[in-house]
C-alpha atoms as a PDB file:
ATOM      1  CA  UNK A   1      -0.008  -0.024   0.006  1.00  0.00           C
ATOM      2  CA  UNK A   2       1.290   3.462  -0.849  1.00  0.00           C
ATOM      3  CA  UNK A   3       1.890   6.084   1.766  1.00  0.00           C
ATOM      4  CA  UNK A   4      -0.951   8.630   1.346  1.00  0.00           C
ATOM      5  CA  UNK A   5       1.313  11.363   2.549  1.00  0.00           C
ATOM      6  CA  UNK A   6       4.044  10.831  -0.009  1.00  0.00           C
ATOM      7  CA  UNK A   7       3.938  12.132  -3.573  1.00  0.00           C
ATOM      8  CA  UNK A   8       2.520   9.731  -6.178  1.00  0.00           C
ATOM      9  CA  UNK A   9       5.118   8.579  -8.680  1.00  0.00           C
ATOM     10  CA  UNK A  10       5.153   6.108 -11.493  1.00  0.00           C
ATOM     11  CA  UNK A  11       7.401   3.766  -9.571  1.00  0.00           C
ATOM     12  CA  UNK A  12       5.180   3.866  -6.517  1.00  0.00           C
ATOM     13  CA  UNK A  13       2.129   3.013  -8.606  1.00  0.00           C
ATOM     14  CA  UNK A  14       3.868   0.091 -10.253  1.00  0.00           C
ATOM     15  CA  UNK A  15       5.158  -1.243  -6.936  1.00  0.00           C
ATOM     16  CA  UNK A  16       1.661  -0.937  -5.517  1.00  0.00           C
ATOM     17  CA  UNK A  17       0.302  -3.142  -8.326  1.00  0.00           C
ATOM     18  CA  UNK A  18       2.973  -5.750  -7.814  1.00  0.00           C
ATOM     19  CA  UNK A  19       2.783  -5.801  -4.019  1.00  0.00           C
ATOM     20  CA  UNK A  20      -1.030  -5.437  -3.639  1.00  0.00           C
ATOM     21  CA  UNK A  21      -2.151  -7.880  -0.955  1.00  0.00           C
ATOM     22  CA  UNK A  22      -5.775  -7.820  -2.224  1.00  0.00           C
ATOM     23  CA  UNK A  23      -4.633  -8.893  -5.660  1.00  0.00           C
ATOM     24  CA  UNK A  24      -2.356 -11.484  -4.218  1.00  0.00           C
ATOM     25  CA  UNK A  25      -5.192 -12.946  -2.297  1.00  0.00           C
ATOM     26  CA  UNK A  26      -7.038 -13.592  -5.577  1.00  0.00           C
ATOM     27  CA  UNK A  27      -4.097 -15.606  -6.947  1.00  0.00           C
ATOM     28  CA  UNK A  28      -5.508 -18.983  -7.998  1.00  0.00           C
ATOM     29  CA  UNK A  29      -9.085 -17.585  -7.858  1.00  0.00           C
ATOM     30  CA  UNK A  30      -9.186 -14.757 -10.380  1.00  0.00           C
ATOM     31  CA  UNK A  31      -5.461 -14.419 -11.285  1.00  0.00           C
ATOM     32  CA  UNK A  32      -2.617 -16.730 -12.138  1.00  0.00           C
ATOM     33  CA  UNK A  33       1.105 -15.859 -11.851  1.00  0.00           C
ATOM     34  CA  UNK A  34       3.351 -14.645 -14.649  1.00  0.00           C
ATOM     35  CA  UNK A  35       5.561 -17.344 -16.166  1.00  0.00           C
ATOM     36  CA  UNK A  36       8.293 -14.684 -16.449  1.00  0.00           C
ATOM     37  CA  UNK A  37       9.619 -11.909 -14.183  1.00  0.00           C
ATOM     38  CA  UNK A  38       7.118  -9.187 -13.301  1.00  0.00           C
ATOM     39  CA  UNK A  39       6.827  -6.960 -16.435  1.00  0.00           C
ATOM     40  CA  UNK A  40       8.628  -3.622 -16.031  1.00  0.00           C
ATOM     41  CA  UNK A  41       6.597  -0.946 -17.732  1.00  0.00           C
ATOM     42  CA  UNK A  42       8.638   2.117 -18.684  1.00  0.00           C
ATOM     43  CA  UNK A  43       7.527   5.499 -17.395  1.00  0.00           C
ATOM     44  CA  UNK A  44       5.213   7.111 -20.026  1.00  0.00           C
ATOM     45  CA  UNK A  45       5.618  10.503 -21.573  1.00  0.00           C
ATOM     46  CA  UNK A  46       3.312  13.127 -20.075  1.00  0.00           C
ATOM     47  CA  UNK A  47      -0.288  13.125 -21.216  1.00  0.00           C
ATOM     48  CA  UNK A  48      -0.016  10.184 -23.636  1.00  0.00           C
ATOM     49  CA  UNK A  49      -2.537   8.806 -26.134  1.00  0.00           C
ATOM     50  CA  UNK A  50      -3.483   5.738 -24.149  1.00  0.00           C
ATOM     51  CA  UNK A  51      -4.754   2.263 -25.060  1.00  0.00           C
ATOM     52  CA  UNK A  52      -6.355   0.093 -22.452  1.00  0.00           C
ATOM     53  CA  UNK A  53      -6.688  -3.642 -23.024  1.00  0.00           C
ATOM     54  CA  UNK A  54      -8.039  -6.502 -20.842  1.00  0.00           C
ATOM     55  CA  UNK A  55      -5.177  -8.320 -19.060  1.00  0.00           C
ATOM     56  CA  UNK A  56      -1.644  -9.542 -19.780  1.00  0.00           C
ATOM     57  CA  UNK A  57      -1.031 -13.161 -20.704  1.00  0.00           C
ATOM     58  CA  UNK A  58       1.217 -15.190 -18.420  1.00  0.00           C
ATOM     59  CA  UNK A  59       4.291 -14.534 -20.635  1.00  0.00           C
ATOM     60  CA  UNK A  60       4.051 -10.838 -19.931  1.00  0.00           C
ATOM     61  CA  UNK A  61       2.307  -9.740 -23.160  1.00  0.00           C
ATOM     62  CA  UNK A  62       2.633  -6.342 -24.788  1.00  0.00           C
ATOM     63  CA  UNK A  63       5.589  -5.092 -22.762  1.00  0.00           C
ATOM     64  CA  UNK A  64       7.683  -8.241 -22.862  1.00  0.00           C
ATOM     65  CA  UNK A  65       9.685  -9.047 -25.986  1.00  0.00           C
ATOM     66  CA  UNK A  66      10.027 -12.829 -26.353  1.00  0.00           C
ATOM     67  CA  UNK A  67      13.179 -14.631 -27.618  1.00  0.00           C
ATOM     68  CA  UNK A  68      13.391 -14.743 -31.453  1.00  0.00           C
ATOM     69  CA  UNK A  69      12.418 -18.404 -31.603  1.00  0.00           C
ATOM     70  CA  UNK A  70       9.133 -17.752 -29.705  1.00  0.00           C
ATOM     71  CA  UNK A  71       5.944 -16.142 -30.945  1.00  0.00           C
ATOM     72  CA  UNK A  72       5.714 -12.461 -30.160  1.00  0.00           C
ATOM     73  CA  UNK A  73       2.762 -10.799 -28.482  1.00  0.00           C
ATOM     74  CA  UNK A  74      -0.306 -10.689 -30.737  1.00  0.00           C
ATOM     75  CA  UNK A  75      -1.557  -7.329 -29.461  1.00  0.00           C
ATOM     76  CA  UNK A  76       1.774  -5.642 -30.072  1.00  0.00           C
ATOM     77  CA  UNK A  77       2.048  -7.298 -33.509  1.00  0.00           C
ATOM     78  CA  UNK A  78      -1.383  -6.024 -34.560  1.00  0.00           C
ATOM     79  CA  UNK A  79      -1.369  -2.573 -32.919  1.00  0.00           C
ATOM     80  CA  UNK A  80       2.001  -1.123 -33.812  1.00  0.00           C
ATOM     81  CA  UNK A  81       1.593  -1.216 -37.599  1.00  0.00           C
ATOM     82  CA  UNK A  82      -1.608   0.824 -37.264  1.00  0.00           C
ATOM     83  CA  UNK A  83       0.555   3.463 -35.570  1.00  0.00           C
ATOM     84  CA  UNK A  84       3.070   3.372 -38.390  1.00  0.00           C
ATOM     85  CA  UNK A  85       5.577   1.279 -36.477  1.00  0.00           C
ATOM     86  CA  UNK A  86       7.196  -2.006 -37.100  1.00  0.00           C
ATOM     87  CA  UNK A  87       6.686  -4.584 -34.315  1.00  0.00           C
ATOM     88  CA  UNK A  88       9.957  -6.319 -35.201  1.00  0.00           C
ATOM     89  CA  UNK A  89      13.077  -6.018 -33.093  1.00  0.00           C
ATOM     90  CA  UNK A  90      13.894  -6.368 -29.400  1.00  0.00           C
ATOM     91  CA  UNK A  91      13.371  -3.198 -27.326  1.00  0.00           C
ATOM     92  CA  UNK A  92      13.216  -0.550 -30.074  1.00  0.00           C
ATOM     93  CA  UNK A  93       9.529  -0.949 -31.012  1.00  0.00           C
ATOM     94  CA  UNK A  94       8.387  -0.432 -27.422  1.00  0.00           C
ATOM     95  CA  UNK A  95      10.748   2.514 -26.937  1.00  0.00           C
ATOM     96  CA  UNK A  96       9.450   4.164 -30.138  1.00  0.00           C
ATOM     97  CA  UNK A  97       5.872   3.512 -29.042  1.00  0.00           C
ATOM     98  CA  UNK A  98       6.450   5.348 -25.756  1.00  0.00           C
ATOM     99  CA  UNK A  99       8.657   8.109 -27.116  1.00  0.00           C
ATOM    100  CA  UNK A 100       6.020   9.027 -29.685  1.00  0.00           C
ATOM    101  CA  UNK A 101       3.570   9.674 -26.914  1.00  0.00           C
ATOM    102  CA  UNK A 102       1.592   6.400 -26.852  1.00  0.00           C
ATOM    103  CA  UNK A 103       1.146   4.019 -23.951  1.00  0.00           C
ATOM    104  CA  UNK A 104      -0.790   0.863 -23.027  1.00  0.00           C
ATOM    105  CA  UNK A 105      -2.268  -0.251 -19.711  1.00  0.00           C
ATOM    106  CA  UNK A 106      -4.446  -3.222 -18.894  1.00  0.00           C
ATOM    107  CA  UNK A 107      -7.715  -3.231 -16.998  1.00  0.00           C
ATOM    108  CA  UNK A 108      -6.391  -6.138 -14.950  1.00  0.00           C
ATOM    109  CA  UNK A 109      -2.617  -5.868 -14.579  1.00  0.00           C
ATOM    110  CA  UNK A 110      -2.220  -9.535 -13.707  1.00  0.00           C
ATOM    111  CA  UNK A 111      -2.937 -12.585 -15.876  1.00  0.00           C
ATOM    112  CA  UNK A 112      -6.481 -13.883 -15.529  1.00  0.00           C
ATOM    113  CA  UNK A 113      -6.912 -17.499 -14.542  1.00  0.00           C
ATOM    114  CA  UNK A 114      -9.770 -18.015 -17.000  1.00  0.00           C
ATOM    115  CA  UNK A 115     -11.497 -16.415 -19.975  1.00  0.00           C
ATOM    116  CA  UNK A 116     -14.207 -13.948 -19.082  1.00  0.00           C
ATOM    117  CA  UNK A 117     -15.659 -13.756 -22.585  1.00  0.00           C
ATOM    118  CA  UNK A 118     -18.935 -15.202 -21.381  1.00  0.00           C
ATOM    119  CA  UNK A 119     -19.173 -13.235 -18.191  1.00  0.00           C
ATOM    120  CA  UNK A 120     -21.953 -10.606 -17.999  1.00  0.00           C
ATOM    121  CA  UNK A 121     -21.494  -6.910 -17.462  1.00  0.00           C
ATOM    122  CA  UNK A 122     -22.529  -6.807 -13.802  1.00  0.00           C
ATOM    123  CA  UNK A 123     -20.148  -9.676 -12.978  1.00  0.00           C
ATOM    124  CA  UNK A 124     -17.329  -8.013 -14.863  1.00  0.00           C
ATOM    125  CA  UNK A 125     -17.899  -4.842 -12.917  1.00  0.00           C
ATOM    126  CA  UNK A 126     -17.629  -6.772  -9.677  1.00  0.00           C
ATOM    127  CA  UNK A 127     -14.422  -8.420 -10.809  1.00  0.00           C
ATOM    128  CA  UNK A 128     -12.935  -5.089 -11.908  1.00  0.00           C
ATOM    129  CA  UNK A 129     -14.042  -3.086  -8.862  1.00  0.00           C
ATOM    130  CA  UNK A 130     -10.868  -3.323  -6.769  1.00  0.00           C
ATOM    131  CA  UNK A 131      -8.488  -3.219  -9.675  1.00  0.00           C
ATOM    132  CA  UNK A 132     -10.065  -0.160 -11.209  1.00  0.00           C
ATOM    133  CA  UNK A 133     -10.265   1.779  -7.948  1.00  0.00           C
ATOM    134  CA  UNK A 134      -6.889   0.726  -6.528  1.00  0.00           C
ATOM    135  CA  UNK A 135      -4.760   0.638  -9.697  1.00  0.00           C
ATOM    136  CA  UNK A 136      -6.211   1.861 -12.996  1.00  0.00           C
ATOM    137  CA  UNK A 137      -7.736   4.997 -11.678  1.00  0.00           C
ATOM    138  CA  UNK A 138      -4.578   6.206  -9.852  1.00  0.00           C
ATOM    139  CA  UNK A 139      -2.540   5.453 -13.040  1.00  0.00           C
ATOM    140  CA  UNK A 140      -4.877   7.582 -15.155  1.00  0.00           C
ATOM    141  CA  UNK A 141      -4.883  10.392 -12.618  1.00  0.00           C
ATOM    142  CA  UNK A 142      -1.073  10.573 -12.780  1.00  0.00           C
ATOM    143  CA  UNK A 143      -0.834  10.187 -16.616  1.00  0.00           C
ATOM    144  CA  UNK A 144      -3.702  12.500 -17.530  1.00  0.00           C
ATOM    145  CA  UNK A 145      -3.985  10.972 -21.040  1.00  0.00           C
ATOM    146  CA  UNK A 146      -5.265  13.226 -23.788  1.00  0.00           C
ATOM    147  CA  UNK A 147      -7.316  10.407 -25.331  1.00  0.00           C
ATOM    148  CA  UNK A 148      -8.031   6.796 -24.441  1.00  0.00           C
ATOM    149  CA  UNK A 149      -9.088   3.882 -26.607  1.00  0.00           C
ATOM    150  CA  UNK A 150     -10.611   0.850 -24.941  1.00  0.00           C
ATOM    151  CA  UNK A 151      -9.511  -2.322 -26.659  1.00  0.00           C
ATOM    152  CA  UNK A 152     -12.279  -4.792 -25.921  1.00  0.00           C
ATOM    153  CA  UNK A 153     -15.391  -5.027 -23.804  1.00  0.00           C
ATOM    154  CA  UNK A 154     -13.625  -5.415 -20.456  1.00  0.00           C
ATOM    155  CA  UNK A 155     -11.554  -2.282 -21.074  1.00  0.00           C
ATOM    156  CA  UNK A 156     -14.620  -0.320 -22.040  1.00  0.00           C
ATOM    157  CA  UNK A 157     -16.324  -1.332 -18.787  1.00  0.00           C
ATOM    158  CA  UNK A 158     -13.275  -0.438 -16.825  1.00  0.00           C
ATOM    159  CA  UNK A 159     -13.088   3.014 -18.350  1.00  0.00           C
ATOM    160  CA  UNK A 160     -16.791   3.597 -17.758  1.00  0.00           C
ATOM    161  CA  UNK A 161     -16.059   2.895 -14.061  1.00  0.00           C
ATOM    162  CA  UNK A 162     -13.184   5.398 -14.019  1.00  0.00           C
ATOM    163  CA  UNK A 163     -15.289   8.045 -15.845  1.00  0.00           C
ATOM    164  CA  UNK A 164     -18.901   7.338 -14.823  1.00  0.00           C
ATOM    165  CA  UNK A 165     -20.160  10.787 -15.768  1.00  0.00           C
ATOM    166  CA  UNK A 166     -18.782  10.650 -19.293  1.00  0.00           C
ATOM    167  CA  UNK A 167     -20.913  10.433 -22.451  1.00  0.00           C
ATOM    168  CA  UNK A 168     -18.948   7.274 -23.229  1.00  0.00           C
ATOM    169  CA  UNK A 169     -20.106   5.586 -20.020  1.00  0.00           C
ATOM    170  CA  UNK A 170     -23.740   6.654 -20.635  1.00  0.00           C
ATOM    171  CA  UNK A 171     -23.663   5.283 -24.227  1.00  0.00           C
ATOM    172  CA  UNK A 172     -22.110   2.008 -23.047  1.00  0.00           C
ATOM    173  CA  UNK A 173     -24.782   1.566 -20.314  1.00  0.00           C
ATOM    174  CA  UNK A 174     -27.606   2.388 -22.640  1.00  0.00           C
ATOM    175  CA  UNK A 175     -26.607   0.664 -25.863  1.00  0.00           C
ATOM    176  CA  UNK A 176     -23.985  -1.947 -25.065  1.00  0.00           C
ATOM    177  CA  UNK A 177     -20.455  -2.450 -26.239  1.00  0.00           C
ATOM    178  CA  UNK A 178     -21.050  -3.727 -29.721  1.00  0.00           C
ATOM    179  CA  UNK A 179     -23.450  -0.865 -30.552  1.00  0.00           C
ATOM    180  CA  UNK A 180     -20.860   1.843 -29.721  1.00  0.00           C
ATOM    181  CA  UNK A 181     -17.733   0.160 -31.167  1.00  0.00           C
ATOM    182  CA  UNK A 182     -15.978   2.564 -33.540  1.00  0.00           C
ATOM    183  CA  UNK A 183     -17.634   5.687 -32.119  1.00  0.00           C
ATOM    184  CA  UNK A 184     -15.526   8.522 -30.705  1.00  0.00           C
ATOM    185  CA  UNK A 185     -16.831  10.390 -27.694  1.00  0.00           C
ATOM    186  CA  UNK A 186     -15.558  13.936 -27.076  1.00  0.00           C
ATOM    187  CA  UNK A 187     -15.452  14.602 -23.364  1.00  0.00           C
ATOM    188  CA  UNK A 188     -14.891  17.571 -21.155  1.00  0.00           C
ATOM    189  CA  UNK A 189     -11.565  17.624 -19.407  1.00  0.00           C
ATOM    190  CA  UNK A 190      -9.119  14.728 -19.039  1.00  0.00           C
ATOM    191  CA  UNK A 191      -9.349  12.906 -21.333  1.00  0.00           C
ATOM    192  CA  UNK A 192     -10.724  14.842 -24.296  1.00  0.00           C
ATOM    193  CA  UNK A 193     -11.649  11.682 -26.164  1.00  0.00           C
ATOM    194  CA  UNK A 194     -12.865   8.181 -25.223  1.00  0.00           C
ATOM    195  CA  UNK A 195     -13.382   5.495 -27.856  1.00  0.00           C
ATOM    196  CA  UNK A 196     -14.127   1.756 -27.861  1.00  0.00           C
ATOM    197  CA  UNK A 197     -13.153  -0.915 -30.329  1.00  0.00           C
ATOM    198  CA  UNK A 198     -12.660  -4.641 -30.310  1.00  0.00           C
ATOM    199  CA  UNK A 199      -9.507  -6.149 -28.836  1.00  0.00           C
ATOM    200  CA  UNK A 200      -6.982  -6.756 -31.665  1.00  0.00           C
ATOM    201  CA  UNK A 201      -5.644  -9.896 -30.052  1.00  0.00           C
ATOM    202  CA  UNK A 202      -6.771 -13.382 -29.060  1.00  0.00           C
ATOM    203  CA  UNK A 203      -9.231 -15.639 -30.853  1.00  0.00           C
ATOM    204  CA  UNK A 204     -11.725 -12.904 -31.805  1.00  0.00           C
ATOM    205  CA  UNK A 205      -9.114 -10.629 -33.375  1.00  0.00           C
ATOM    206  CA  UNK A 206      -9.493 -12.144 -36.810  1.00  0.00           C
ATOM    207  CA  UNK A 207     -13.287 -12.129 -36.657  1.00  0.00           C
ATOM    208  CA  UNK A 208     -13.386  -8.398 -35.804  1.00  0.00           C
ATOM    209  CA  UNK A 209     -10.338  -7.436 -37.919  1.00  0.00           C
ATOM    210  CA  UNK A 210     -12.372  -5.085 -40.204  1.00  0.00           C
ATOM    211  CA  UNK A 211     -13.555  -3.219 -37.124  1.00  0.00           C
ATOM    212  CA  UNK A 212     -10.335  -2.603 -35.229  1.00  0.00           C
ATOM    213  CA  UNK A 213      -8.268  -1.983 -38.336  1.00  0.00           C
ATOM    214  CA  UNK A 214     -10.500   0.954 -39.200  1.00  0.00           C
ATOM    215  CA  UNK A 215     -11.476   2.113 -35.685  1.00  0.00           C
ATOM    216  CA  UNK A 216      -7.903   2.521 -34.332  1.00  0.00           C
ATOM    217  CA  UNK A 217      -6.658   4.736 -37.289  1.00  0.00           C
ATOM    218  CA  UNK A 218      -9.840   6.861 -37.027  1.00  0.00           C
ATOM    219  CA  UNK A 219      -9.258   7.321 -33.300  1.00  0.00           C
ATOM    220  CA  UNK A 220      -5.619   8.236 -33.871  1.00  0.00           C
ATOM    221  CA  UNK A 221      -6.511  10.799 -36.558  1.00  0.00           C
ATOM    222  CA  UNK A 222      -8.600  12.629 -33.925  1.00  0.00           C
ATOM    223  CA  UNK A 223      -6.334  12.014 -30.964  1.00  0.00           C
ATOM    224  CA  UNK A 224      -3.125  13.198 -32.650  1.00  0.00           C
ATOM    225  CA  UNK A 225      -4.674  16.620 -33.212  1.00  0.00           C
ATOM    226  CA  UNK A 226      -4.983  17.156 -29.469  1.00  0.00           C
ATOM    227  CA  UNK A 227      -2.324  19.188 -27.717  1.00  0.00           C
ATOM    228  CA  UNK A 228      -1.057  18.548 -24.220  1.00  0.00           C
ATOM    229  CA  UNK A 229      -2.680  20.832 -21.638  1.00  0.00           C
ATOM    230  CA  UNK A 230      -1.054  22.994 -19.031  1.00  0.00           C
ATOM    231  CA  UNK A 231      -1.298  21.365 -15.648  1.00  0.00           C
ATOM    232  CA  UNK A 232      -3.316  23.262 -13.119  1.00  0.00           C
END
């Protein structure tokens, strides 16, 4: 647990995720351990354009480059070309991704023990409640992203919990995830834009390929016009 009297820093937030006793208590129930070392996420640039996905796989996922003989992360392989970047190489693609003002977080920052594809919205909210309040929300408060794209239903629900008064959250509650995929919601304040699309990874990535390959560039075209704001 972080000291509430000390300044919030990126390192303290990351340590709080790794050392969280509430999350550790769910090991074997909701979460399973990484098969690698705990992924070290680099500190983002201020006010990034942010992507939020569901959860990392056990091999570390987006932020962990695998040995050449192993398959690389599917989300990274699919996402970076849409940003005009090559996913090939060891650390350079991830450095370029961050240095150009992009970043990625997960709704759950530990590997899930089971697929939640068939889990209903109320149940997903219950599963996300602690992780959103204790981890995702503080990360977003520190980063103040200019625009956020939810990659998948779980991420969309998580963002609606962080920004419950947003037009994005209202549309998701009223119409459901599939109905609002591909829409871009201008908001007031941080962030300026919220947008949902399908997750470009996992078994459904191919089925929804036409959606995310058009939704992500459309989101970027709007998000890249936004300028960082002066901090108050």
